[in-house]
Amino acid sequence: MVGSRAASRRAAARTFDLAAALAAAGWGVISGGALGIDAAAHRGALAARGATFAVLGCGIDIVYPDRHARLFDEISAGGGGLLSEYGPGTPPRPGQFPARNRLVAALARVVVVGEARGGSGALITARLARTLGRPLLAIPGSAGTDALLAAGGALAVETARDIMNALAGRPPAAPRTVPAAFQALVQALQDGPAGAEAIALRMGMSLPQTLGVLSEAELRGLVLRTAGAKFEAVKSRFEASRGH
């Protein structure tokens, strides 16, 4: 279970409840040990006396964020553990956290995005989950998760039963059409690569909404991020998607 560090109370509470239900049913909960959605997932599992594992972007002897000292102790004492590919003493560095996300996706049977803004690191985990063939689920209500759902890239989570169905081998169906938002996006990029703010103006959408659409389009290989934080359409992928 992954998501925004600056999580809303609603999304954090929903993640806590889902993690608790999964742990009570005997499933382990894996997340990244970060603030926000990650912490809610770990705490929900612990509340149900279940096992939870935190994959860290630093050495396991480094407490980061430092306010999670007690949480990490509870994770270790509760039958779960702290995991890292980095040696003891390795400090947290920005580039290590996106790398950490691939381990979260690889270790999980199902990936659930609790909340995400456009361009969120949680969407990196979502992209990796899809690459690895993991079922991808999302809680509605944020720009990033709503973009995943609108594009057919994830299954909406209403109850823990939705996640358990995916764990039982019933993943969401693959998307078959290109949504209207993506058609508008490729039109906005007809004149060449552009930054997110310019694309938002061309599409008549807010910047957060546009970032959500761009994140999902990038996830599906429909746009590429170029130098200077600009985006360009992969038109051949749009044409191929229309034919399915």
Protein backbone atom coordinates (compact mmCIF):
# COMPACT_ATOMS: atom_id res chain seq x y z
CA MET A 1 0.00 0.00 0.00
CA VAL A 2 1.53 3.31 -1.09
CA GLY A 3 0.56 6.94 -1.42
CA SER A 4 1.13 10.59 -0.65
CA ARG A 5 3.28 11.70 2.28
CA ALA A 6 1.02 14.74 2.79
CA ALA A 7 -2.07 12.57 2.94
CA SER A 8 -5.57 13.84 3.64
CA ARG A 9 -7.23 12.61 6.82
CA ARG A 10 -9.84 10.81 4.76
CA ALA A 11 -7.33 8.86 2.69
CA ALA A 12 -5.16 8.05 5.71
CA ALA A 13 -8.17 6.77 7.67
CA ARG A 14 -9.36 4.71 4.69
CA THR A 15 -5.90 3.20 4.24
CA PHE A 16 -5.69 2.39 7.96
CA ASP A 17 -9.04 0.57 7.85
CA LEU A 18 -8.18 -1.39 4.72
CA ALA A 19 -4.77 -2.43 6.08
CA ALA A 20 -6.35 -3.51 9.35
CA ALA A 21 -8.95 -5.62 7.53
CA LEU A 22 -6.30 -7.26 5.35
CA ALA A 23 -4.05 -7.99 8.33
CA ALA A 24 -6.97 -9.45 10.27
CA ALA A 25 -7.57 -11.78 7.33
CA GLY A 26 -3.98 -12.98 7.52
CA TRP A 27 -2.33 -10.88 4.82
CA GLY A 28 0.95 -9.03 5.35
CA VAL A 29 1.06 -5.32 4.51
CA ILE A 30 4.08 -3.86 2.70
CA SER A 31 4.78 -0.15 2.38
CA GLY A 32 7.66 2.33 2.37
CA GLY A 33 7.82 3.52 5.97
CA ALA A 34 7.17 7.14 4.96
CA LEU A 35 4.79 9.71 6.41
CA GLY A 36 1.15 9.80 5.33
CA ILE A 37 -0.34 6.81 3.52
CA ASP A 38 2.63 4.52 4.25
CA ALA A 39 2.40 5.16 7.98
CA ALA A 40 -1.38 4.64 7.94
CA ALA A 41 -0.94 1.27 6.22
CA HIS A 42 1.67 0.11 8.73
CA ARG A 43 -0.37 1.30 11.72
CA GLY A 44 -3.55 -0.33 10.43
CA ALA A 45 -1.81 -3.69 10.15
CA LEU A 46 -0.32 -3.31 13.61
CA ALA A 47 -3.71 -2.40 15.09
CA ALA A 48 -5.03 -5.75 13.82
CA ARG A 49 -1.98 -7.53 15.27
CA GLY A 50 -0.80 -8.39 11.78
CA ALA A 51 2.62 -8.40 10.14
CA THR A 52 3.78 -5.38 8.20
CA PHE A 53 7.05 -4.67 6.39
CA ALA A 54 8.65 -1.29 5.67
CA VAL A 55 10.99 -1.05 2.68
CA LEU A 56 13.38 1.81 3.45
CA GLY A 57 15.34 4.18 1.22
CA CYS A 58 18.28 4.14 3.66
CA GLY A 59 20.07 1.70 5.95
CA ILE A 60 17.85 -0.19 8.39
CA ASP A 61 19.75 1.36 11.30
CA ILE A 62 18.75 4.88 10.17
CA VAL A 63 15.38 6.16 11.39
CA TYR A 64 13.89 8.24 8.58
CA PRO A 65 11.68 10.07 9.06
CA ASP A 66 12.93 10.48 12.61
CA ARG A 67 9.41 10.67 14.06
CA HIS A 68 8.92 7.02 13.06
CA ALA A 69 11.32 5.58 15.65
CA ARG A 70 8.46 4.12 17.69
CA LEU A 71 6.59 2.92 14.60
CA PHE A 72 9.65 1.06 13.32
CA ASP A 73 10.14 -0.56 16.73
CA GLU A 74 6.52 -1.72 16.69
CA ILE A 75 6.89 -3.09 13.15
CA SER A 76 9.93 -5.14 14.16
CA ALA A 77 8.29 -6.36 17.38
CA GLY A 78 5.03 -7.26 15.64
CA GLY A 79 6.35 -10.05 13.45
CA GLY A 80 7.14 -7.86 10.47
CA GLY A 81 10.40 -6.12 9.71
CA LEU A 82 12.44 -3.35 8.15
CA LEU A 83 13.89 -4.12 4.71
CA SER A 84 16.52 -2.30 2.68
CA GLU A 85 18.93 -2.93 -0.16
CA TYR A 86 21.28 -0.34 1.35
CA GLY A 87 23.96 -1.19 3.87
CA PRO A 88 23.90 -0.09 7.51
CA GLY A 89 24.73 3.57 7.95
CA THR A 90 23.52 4.59 4.48
CA PRO A 91 21.79 7.98 4.88
CA PRO A 92 18.55 8.83 3.06
CA ARG A 93 19.15 10.43 -0.34
CA PRO A 94 16.45 11.57 -2.81
CA GLY A 95 17.40 9.15 -5.59
CA GLN A 96 17.15 6.14 -3.29
CA PHE A 97 13.41 6.46 -2.70
CA PRO A 98 12.26 5.96 -6.32
CA ALA A 99 14.61 2.96 -6.41
CA ARG A 100 13.03 1.69 -3.20
CA ASN A 101 9.62 1.77 -4.90
CA ARG A 102 10.56 -1.05 -7.26
CA LEU A 103 11.14 -3.33 -4.27
CA VAL A 104 7.74 -2.45 -2.80
CA ALA A 105 6.11 -3.38 -6.11
CA ALA A 106 8.15 -6.56 -6.51
CA LEU A 107 7.42 -7.83 -3.00
CA ALA A 108 3.68 -7.14 -3.18
CA ARG A 109 1.05 -9.51 -4.56
CA VAL A 110 -1.24 -6.53 -5.20
CA VAL A 111 -0.40 -2.79 -5.18
CA VAL A 112 -2.92 -0.36 -3.69
CA VAL A 113 -2.51 3.40 -4.18
CA GLY A 114 -4.20 5.15 -1.25
CA GLU A 115 -3.80 8.73 -2.46
CA ALA A 116 -1.58 10.44 -5.03
CA ARG A 117 -1.09 13.85 -6.55
CA GLY A 118 -0.13 14.27 -10.18
CA GLY A 119 3.53 13.31 -10.51
CA SER A 120 3.53 11.57 -7.12
CA GLY A 121 6.16 8.96 -6.31
CA ALA A 122 3.29 6.55 -5.64
CA LEU A 123 2.56 6.62 -9.36
CA ILE A 124 6.11 5.39 -9.97
CA THR A 125 5.22 2.36 -7.87
CA ALA A 126 2.00 2.01 -9.87
CA ARG A 127 3.94 2.00 -13.14
CA LEU A 128 6.37 -0.58 -11.77
CA ALA A 129 3.47 -2.74 -10.54
CA ARG A 130 2.02 -2.80 -14.02
CA THR A 131 5.40 -3.66 -15.53
CA LEU A 132 5.68 -6.59 -13.11
CA GLY A 133 2.15 -7.75 -13.84
CA ARG A 134 0.82 -6.96 -10.37
CA PRO A 135 -2.88 -6.10 -10.03
CA LEU A 136 -3.22 -2.35 -9.42
CA LEU A 137 -5.95 -0.86 -7.24
CA ALA A 138 -6.66 2.70 -6.10
CA ILE A 139 -8.80 4.55 -3.58
CA PRO A 140 -10.82 7.25 -5.41
CA GLY A 141 -10.64 10.90 -4.38
CA SER A 142 -7.25 12.31 -5.40
CA ALA A 143 -5.85 13.60 -8.70
CA GLY A 144 -3.46 10.70 -9.18
CA THR A 145 -5.81 7.87 -8.18
CA ASP A 146 -8.74 9.37 -10.09
CA ALA A 147 -6.55 9.56 -13.21
CA LEU A 148 -5.63 5.89 -12.82
CA LEU A 149 -9.29 4.96 -12.45
CA ALA A 150 -10.58 7.20 -15.25
CA ALA A 151 -8.08 5.69 -17.65
CA GLY A 152 -8.96 2.14 -16.68
CA GLY A 153 -5.50 1.67 -15.24
CA ALA A 154 -6.65 0.47 -11.83
CA LEU A 155 -9.58 -1.10 -10.01
CA ALA A 156 -11.43 1.12 -7.54
CA VAL A 157 -11.22 0.07 -3.91
CA GLU A 158 -14.42 0.42 -1.93
CA THR A 159 -13.88 -2.34 0.64
CA ALA A 160 -11.14 -4.75 1.66
CA ARG A 161 -13.05 -7.40 -0.29
CA ASP A 162 -12.03 -5.66 -3.53
CA ILE A 163 -8.38 -6.15 -2.60
CA MET A 164 -8.94 -9.73 -1.51
CA ASN A 165 -10.60 -10.50 -4.84
CA ALA A 166 -7.47 -9.28 -6.60
CA LEU A 167 -5.31 -11.34 -4.25
CA ALA A 168 -7.43 -14.36 -5.18
CA GLY A 169 -6.50 -13.90 -8.83
CA ARG A 170 -9.21 -11.62 -10.15
CA PRO A 171 -7.26 -8.52 -11.25
CA PRO A 172 -8.88 -5.55 -13.02
CA ALA A 173 -9.42 -5.92 -16.73
CA ALA A 174 -6.92 -4.28 -19.04
CA PRO A 175 -8.10 -0.95 -20.48
CA ARG A 176 -9.52 -1.27 -24.00
CA THR A 177 -10.14 2.31 -25.11
CA VAL A 178 -8.38 5.65 -25.03
CA PRO A 179 -10.40 7.98 -22.73
CA ALA A 180 -11.51 11.40 -23.95
CA ALA A 181 -9.00 13.13 -21.65
CA PHE A 182 -6.16 11.42 -23.50
CA GLN A 183 -7.61 12.39 -26.87
CA ALA A 184 -7.65 16.00 -25.66
CA LEU A 185 -4.08 15.62 -24.42
CA VAL A 186 -2.70 14.46 -27.75
CA GLN A 187 -4.52 17.38 -29.43
CA ALA A 188 -2.86 19.76 -26.95
CA LEU A 189 0.53 18.31 -27.89
CA GLN A 190 0.09 18.57 -31.66
CA ASP A 191 2.40 21.57 -31.84
CA GLY A 192 5.20 19.74 -30.09
CA PRO A 193 6.45 19.11 -26.54
CA ALA A 194 5.10 21.39 -23.80
CA GLY A 195 5.29 21.78 -20.04
CA ALA A 196 2.45 20.83 -17.71
CA GLU A 197 1.26 24.43 -17.18
CA ALA A 198 1.04 25.10 -20.91
CA ILE A 199 -0.80 21.83 -21.46
CA ALA A 200 -3.26 22.71 -18.68
CA LEU A 201 -4.04 26.01 -20.42
CA ARG A 202 -4.53 24.30 -23.79
CA MET A 203 -6.83 21.66 -22.29
CA GLY A 204 -8.76 24.10 -20.10
CA MET A 205 -8.06 22.01 -17.00
CA SER A 206 -6.58 22.81 -13.61
CA LEU A 207 -2.89 22.03 -13.14
CA PRO A 208 -3.56 19.20 -10.60
CA GLN A 209 -6.06 17.58 -12.99
CA THR A 210 -3.61 17.91 -15.88
CA LEU A 211 -0.78 16.40 -13.85
CA GLY A 212 -3.03 13.45 -13.04
CA VAL A 213 -3.84 12.89 -16.72
CA LEU A 214 -0.16 13.25 -17.68
CA SER A 215 0.91 10.77 -15.00
CA GLU A 216 -1.53 8.13 -16.22
CA ALA A 217 -0.71 8.82 -19.89
CA GLU A 218 2.98 8.41 -19.08
CA LEU A 219 2.18 5.23 -17.13
CA ARG A 220 0.49 3.80 -20.23
CA GLY A 221 3.30 4.87 -22.56
CA LEU A 222 1.15 7.43 -24.37
CA VAL A 223 3.42 10.38 -23.59
CA LEU A 224 7.13 10.75 -22.91
CA ARG A 225 8.77 13.17 -20.50
CA THR A 226 11.49 15.05 -22.38
CA ALA A 227 14.30 17.39 -21.34
CA GLY A 228 13.16 20.48 -19.46
CA ALA A 229 10.19 18.73 -17.81
CA LYS A 230 8.21 18.81 -21.07
CA PHE A 231 5.92 16.12 -22.46
CA GLU A 232 5.42 14.84 -25.99
CA ALA A 233 2.79 12.47 -27.38
CA VAL A 234 3.74 9.00 -28.59
CA LYS A 235 1.21 9.15 -31.41
CA SER A 236 1.79 5.60 -32.58
CA ARG A 237 0.65 4.35 -29.17
CA PHE A 238 -2.53 6.44 -29.37
CA GLU A 239 -3.30 5.04 -32.82
CA ALA A 240 -2.65 1.47 -31.66
CA SER A 241 -4.89 1.94 -28.60
CA ARG A 242 -7.79 3.15 -30.74
CA GLY A 243 -7.76 -0.16 -32.56
CA HIS A 244 -8.46 -2.28 -29.44
